[in-house]
Amino acid sequence: MRTRLQNELLLVNILVILLIIVITFFPSIVLRIILGLPIVLFFPGYTLIAALFPRKGDLDSVERVALSFGLSIAVVPVIGLILNYTPWGIRLYPVLISLTIFIIINSIVAWHRRRGLSQAERFNVSFNLSLLPWRGQNFIDKTLSIILIAAVLGAIGTFGYVAATPRLGEKFTEFYILGLDGKATDYPRELKVAEERRVIVGIINREYEAVSYQLEVRIDGVRNNGVGPLVLKHDEKREEIVSFMPDRVGDNQKVEFLLYKNGQSEPYRKLRLPIDVKE
């Protein structure tokens, strides 16, 4: 028995809108994966193919499915690349909205082009519910169908695994010194004995966990000042004004800013600032 779906493009757009609702109002990761897989891997290419080839005889079913996956895999990175050069960047909602607009526009174009064709010429989705759907197909068609199904299942499985078990990025801490104007210039270079000078020391936690930091300032190996402990969450940034005061005359003295993490005895990061001290 063969079942025909009259307007599959409407169903595609309903599923896209449903994904937006799920992402906005429901925290379910499972629903996001189930709805997100076809919207990323299949629907962009399918609607583009529907817009380019509205006639039933333009492509057969296997070609449409294969091209839909292939074009989706090609189109989605291009959309991401374009977003990367916009103020919105590659984030969840900009990507979701861009894909939605792309799918809806192609669906409208495909619907308009199909309207100009007779009912017999229009492409429509039909399902063969027979228990022996491959009866009558030759060996090559059967082999291509099996390869296509295996490729689709493999792609879905791989994407699902990556979505369910995302890898963490590199763990590190940003540690930097700025002048009092907030720029990487105008550092104190020439001082007098017992003259206090200040700089801005910045810390950004990229460790994917809360970290306790301790900052120590040394001049030629002798402790001169300290700040902390400072507890920062992941992606949290802290800038502190830190002072130091040399106690002896000498050129090319070394001011060290040592950052300790979670009470460790050895410095996690080091920054150096050379100074000349006069009377």
Protein backbone atom coordinates (compact mmCIF):
# COMPACT_ATOMS: atom_id res chain seq x y z
CA MET A 1 0.00 0.00 0.00
CA ARG A 2 1.33 3.43 -0.93
CA THR A 3 0.64 6.51 1.25
CA ARG A 4 1.06 10.04 -0.09
CA LEU A 5 1.93 13.11 2.01
CA GLN A 6 0.29 16.10 0.37
CA ASN A 7 2.35 18.94 1.88
CA GLU A 8 5.56 17.77 3.53
CA LEU A 9 6.98 21.31 3.53
CA LEU A 10 4.32 22.40 6.00
CA LEU A 11 5.33 19.53 8.29
CA VAL A 12 9.00 20.54 8.00
CA ASN A 13 8.24 24.12 9.07
CA ILE A 14 6.02 22.95 11.94
CA LEU A 15 8.90 20.83 13.26
CA VAL A 16 11.28 23.81 12.99
CA ILE A 17 8.90 26.02 14.98
CA LEU A 18 8.43 23.20 17.50
CA LEU A 19 12.20 23.07 18.02
CA ILE A 20 12.28 26.81 18.71
CA ILE A 21 9.54 26.38 21.33
CA VAL A 22 11.36 23.45 22.95
CA ILE A 23 14.69 25.31 23.13
CA THR A 24 13.05 28.47 24.48
CA PHE A 25 10.71 27.00 27.08
CA PHE A 26 11.82 23.42 27.84
CA PRO A 27 15.25 22.28 29.13
CA SER A 28 14.92 18.74 27.75
CA ILE A 29 18.16 17.76 26.01
CA VAL A 30 16.51 14.64 24.53
CA LEU A 31 13.83 16.65 22.73
CA ARG A 32 16.43 19.09 21.46
CA ILE A 33 18.50 16.25 19.98
CA ILE A 34 15.49 14.47 18.43
CA LEU A 35 14.18 17.64 16.77
CA GLY A 36 17.58 19.21 16.12
CA LEU A 37 19.12 16.31 14.17
CA PRO A 38 16.86 16.56 11.09
CA ILE A 39 16.82 20.36 11.23
CA VAL A 40 20.62 20.45 11.04
CA LEU A 41 21.34 17.36 8.92
CA PHE A 42 18.38 17.10 6.54
CA PHE A 43 15.82 19.93 6.33
CA PRO A 44 18.08 22.73 4.96
CA GLY A 45 19.21 20.56 2.07
CA TYR A 46 15.76 19.07 1.52
CA THR A 47 14.00 22.42 1.22
CA LEU A 48 16.76 23.71 -1.07
CA ILE A 49 16.36 20.66 -3.32
CA ALA A 50 12.58 21.14 -3.25
CA ALA A 51 13.02 24.73 -4.41
CA LEU A 52 15.49 23.80 -7.18
CA PHE A 53 13.70 20.68 -8.43
CA PRO A 54 9.94 20.99 -7.95
CA ARG A 55 9.04 18.39 -10.60
CA LYS A 56 8.53 14.76 -9.77
CA GLY A 57 10.78 13.59 -12.60
CA ASP A 58 13.71 15.91 -11.84
CA LEU A 59 15.27 13.51 -9.32
CA ASP A 60 14.38 10.09 -7.99
CA SER A 61 13.82 9.47 -4.27
CA VAL A 62 17.30 8.14 -3.52
CA GLU A 63 18.94 11.15 -5.19
CA ARG A 64 16.71 13.59 -3.31
CA VAL A 65 17.51 12.03 0.06
CA ALA A 66 21.25 11.79 -0.64
CA LEU A 67 21.46 15.37 -1.92
CA SER A 68 19.39 16.62 1.02
CA PHE A 69 21.92 15.24 3.49
CA GLY A 70 24.89 16.38 1.40
CA LEU A 71 23.62 19.93 0.90
CA SER A 72 22.65 20.25 4.57
CA ILE A 73 26.17 19.29 5.62
CA ALA A 74 27.48 21.91 3.16
CA VAL A 75 24.99 24.71 3.92
CA VAL A 76 25.07 24.68 7.73
CA PRO A 77 28.85 25.42 8.00
CA VAL A 78 28.47 28.22 5.44
CA ILE A 79 25.74 29.80 7.58
CA GLY A 80 28.00 29.45 10.61
CA LEU A 81 30.89 31.07 8.72
CA ILE A 82 28.70 34.03 7.75
CA LEU A 83 27.47 34.43 11.34
CA ASN A 84 31.07 34.43 12.55
CA TYR A 85 31.57 37.79 10.80
CA THR A 86 28.44 39.36 12.28
CA PRO A 87 27.91 40.94 15.73
CA TRP A 88 25.77 37.94 16.76
CA GLY A 89 28.49 35.31 16.31
CA ILE A 90 28.09 31.53 16.28
CA ARG A 91 25.71 31.10 19.19
CA LEU A 92 22.58 29.02 19.73
CA TYR A 93 19.85 31.49 18.87
CA PRO A 94 21.58 33.20 15.91
CA VAL A 95 22.25 29.77 14.35
CA LEU A 96 18.71 28.57 15.07
CA ILE A 97 17.10 31.72 13.63
CA SER A 98 19.35 31.64 10.55
CA LEU A 99 18.51 28.01 9.81
CA THR A 100 14.81 28.71 10.36
CA ILE A 101 14.86 31.63 7.91
CA PHE A 102 16.79 29.56 5.35
CA ILE A 103 14.31 26.66 5.60
CA ILE A 104 11.21 28.88 5.48
CA ILE A 105 12.44 30.87 2.46
CA ASN A 106 13.26 27.70 0.51
CA SER A 107 9.91 26.21 1.49
CA ILE A 108 8.07 29.28 0.18
CA VAL A 109 10.02 29.18 -3.10
CA ALA A 110 9.38 25.44 -3.48
CA TRP A 111 5.64 25.88 -2.76
CA HIS A 112 5.39 28.72 -5.28
CA ARG A 113 7.17 26.75 -8.01
CA ARG A 114 5.03 23.66 -7.38
CA ARG A 115 1.87 25.75 -7.76
CA GLY A 116 2.86 26.46 -11.36
CA LEU A 117 2.88 22.74 -12.18
CA SER A 118 0.05 20.35 -12.76
CA GLN A 119 -0.86 17.86 -10.04
CA ALA A 120 0.73 15.05 -12.02
CA GLU A 121 4.03 16.92 -12.42
CA ARG A 122 4.43 18.05 -8.81
CA PHE A 123 6.79 16.21 -6.55
CA ASN A 124 5.14 14.71 -3.49
CA VAL A 125 6.33 12.41 -0.75
CA SER A 126 4.88 8.92 -0.75
CA PHE A 127 5.58 5.92 1.43
CA ASN A 128 5.48 2.28 0.40
CA LEU A 129 4.05 0.37 3.37
CA SER A 130 4.53 -3.02 1.75
CA LEU A 131 6.33 -5.67 3.80
CA LEU A 132 8.56 -6.26 0.77
CA PRO A 133 9.40 -2.73 -0.38
CA TRP A 134 12.44 -3.83 -2.40
CA ARG A 135 10.58 -6.31 -4.55
CA GLY A 136 11.16 -5.45 -8.19
CA GLN A 137 14.30 -3.39 -7.58
CA ASN A 138 17.52 -4.47 -9.22
CA PHE A 139 20.71 -5.32 -7.33
CA ILE A 140 22.32 -1.88 -7.81
CA ASP A 141 19.26 -0.03 -6.46
CA LYS A 142 19.10 -2.31 -3.43
CA THR A 143 22.82 -1.84 -2.74
CA LEU A 144 22.61 1.96 -3.03
CA SER A 145 19.60 2.00 -0.72
CA ILE A 146 21.43 -0.04 1.91
CA ILE A 147 24.53 2.21 1.69
CA LEU A 148 22.36 5.34 1.97
CA ILE A 149 20.48 4.00 5.01
CA ALA A 150 23.76 3.00 6.68
CA ALA A 151 25.28 6.43 5.99
CA VAL A 152 22.23 8.23 7.37
CA LEU A 153 22.15 6.10 10.52
CA GLY A 154 25.89 6.58 10.98
CA ALA A 155 25.61 10.36 10.64
CA ILE A 156 22.68 10.51 13.06
CA GLY A 157 24.46 8.28 15.56
CA THR A 158 27.68 10.29 15.39
CA PHE A 159 25.88 13.61 15.74
CA GLY A 160 23.81 12.28 18.64
CA TYR A 161 26.91 11.03 20.44
CA VAL A 162 28.71 14.35 20.02
CA ALA A 163 25.64 16.29 21.19
CA ALA A 164 25.12 14.02 24.21
CA THR A 165 28.78 13.98 25.27
CA PRO A 166 30.30 17.34 24.31
CA ARG A 167 34.04 17.68 24.79
CA LEU A 168 35.38 20.40 27.02
CA GLY A 169 37.74 22.89 25.50
CA GLU A 170 41.29 23.50 26.66
CA LYS A 171 41.53 24.41 30.35
CA PHE A 172 43.62 27.47 31.12
CA THR A 173 43.66 30.81 32.94
CA GLU A 174 44.24 34.16 31.24
CA PHE A 175 46.69 36.27 33.24
CA TYR A 176 47.80 39.73 32.09
CA ILE A 177 49.09 43.16 33.16
CA LEU A 178 47.74 46.51 31.95
CA GLY A 179 48.64 50.11 32.61
CA LEU A 180 46.30 52.22 34.72
CA ASP A 181 44.56 53.41 31.54
CA GLY A 182 43.45 49.82 30.88
CA LYS A 183 45.78 49.31 27.92
CA ALA A 184 48.91 47.24 27.40
CA THR A 185 51.04 50.41 27.48
CA ASP A 186 52.44 52.96 29.92
CA TYR A 187 53.87 50.46 32.37
CA PRO A 188 55.97 51.97 35.18
CA ARG A 189 59.62 51.62 34.11
CA GLU A 190 61.55 54.21 36.12
CA LEU A 191 60.92 54.65 39.85
CA LYS A 192 62.52 56.12 42.93
CA VAL A 193 63.23 54.21 46.11
CA ALA A 194 60.05 53.81 48.24
CA GLU A 195 57.90 55.18 45.40
CA GLU A 196 54.64 53.27 45.05
CA ARG A 197 53.49 52.44 41.52
CA ARG A 198 50.40 50.57 40.41
CA VAL A 199 49.26 48.38 37.51
CA ILE A 200 46.08 46.50 36.62
CA VAL A 201 46.36 42.71 36.90
CA GLY A 202 43.68 40.69 35.07
CA ILE A 203 42.56 37.11 35.62
CA ILE A 204 40.01 35.23 33.49
CA ASN A 205 39.02 31.71 34.53
CA ARG A 206 38.79 29.27 31.58
CA GLU A 207 39.15 26.15 33.74
CA TYR A 208 35.50 24.92 33.47
CA GLU A 209 35.23 25.00 37.27
CA ALA A 210 35.47 27.46 40.15
CA VAL A 211 39.08 28.21 41.05
CA SER A 212 40.69 30.01 44.00
CA TYR A 213 43.57 32.26 42.94
CA GLN A 214 46.30 33.91 45.02
CA LEU A 215 48.47 36.70 43.61
CA GLU A 216 51.95 37.52 44.90
CA VAL A 217 54.26 40.36 43.82
CA ARG A 218 58.01 39.97 44.19
CA ILE A 219 60.91 42.31 43.37
CA ASP A 220 64.10 40.39 42.61
CA GLY A 221 62.74 37.36 44.43
CA VAL A 222 61.62 39.21 47.59
CA ARG A 223 57.91 39.37 48.42
CA ASN A 224 56.58 42.92 48.08
CA ASN A 225 52.78 42.60 47.98
CA GLY A 226 49.95 40.09 47.67
CA VAL A 227 46.27 39.87 46.75
CA GLY A 228 43.72 37.15 47.42
CA PRO A 229 42.38 34.63 47.64
CA LEU A 230 40.10 35.42 44.69
CA VAL A 231 37.47 32.80 43.81
CA LEU A 232 36.33 32.94 40.17
CA LYS A 233 33.73 30.84 38.42
CA HIS A 234 34.24 29.53 34.89
CA ASP A 235 34.42 32.43 32.39
CA GLU A 236 34.46 34.96 35.23
CA LYS A 237 36.86 37.88 34.87
CA ARG A 238 38.53 39.93 37.61
CA GLU A 239 40.82 42.95 37.30
CA GLU A 240 42.61 44.26 40.39
CA ILE A 241 44.78 47.33 40.88
CA VAL A 242 48.01 46.02 42.40
CA SER A 243 50.79 48.19 43.83
CA PHE A 244 54.47 47.57 44.41
CA MET A 245 57.23 49.64 46.05
CA PRO A 246 60.97 49.09 45.47
CA ASP A 247 63.23 49.45 48.53
CA ARG A 248 66.68 49.69 46.95
CA VAL A 249 68.49 51.37 44.08
CA GLY A 250 69.35 49.37 40.99
CA ASP A 251 68.75 49.06 37.26
CA ASN A 252 66.88 46.25 35.54
CA GLN A 253 65.21 44.99 38.70
CA LYS A 254 62.67 42.28 38.07
CA VAL A 255 59.10 42.72 39.31
CA GLU A 256 57.35 39.34 39.19
CA PHE A 257 53.60 38.77 39.38
CA LEU A 258 53.01 35.17 40.47
CA LEU A 259 49.58 33.55 40.21
CA TYR A 260 48.84 30.53 42.41
CA LYS A 261 45.87 28.24 41.83
CA ASN A 262 43.90 26.38 44.52
CA GLY A 263 46.57 26.80 47.18
CA GLN A 264 49.37 25.17 45.20
CA SER A 265 52.93 25.88 46.36
CA GLU A 266 54.30 26.42 42.84
CA PRO A 267 53.17 29.38 40.69
CA TYR A 268 50.63 28.54 38.00
CA ARG A 269 51.41 31.62 35.88
CA LYS A 270 54.22 34.20 35.91
CA LEU A 271 54.51 37.72 34.53
CA ARG A 272 57.59 39.94 34.66
CA LEU A 273 58.08 43.68 34.52
CA PRO A 274 61.63 45.19 34.46
CA ILE A 275 62.15 48.47 36.32
CA ASP A 276 65.01 50.90 36.98
CA VAL A 277 65.15 52.36 40.51
CA LYS A 278 66.95 55.64 41.28
CA GLU A 279 67.54 57.49 44.53
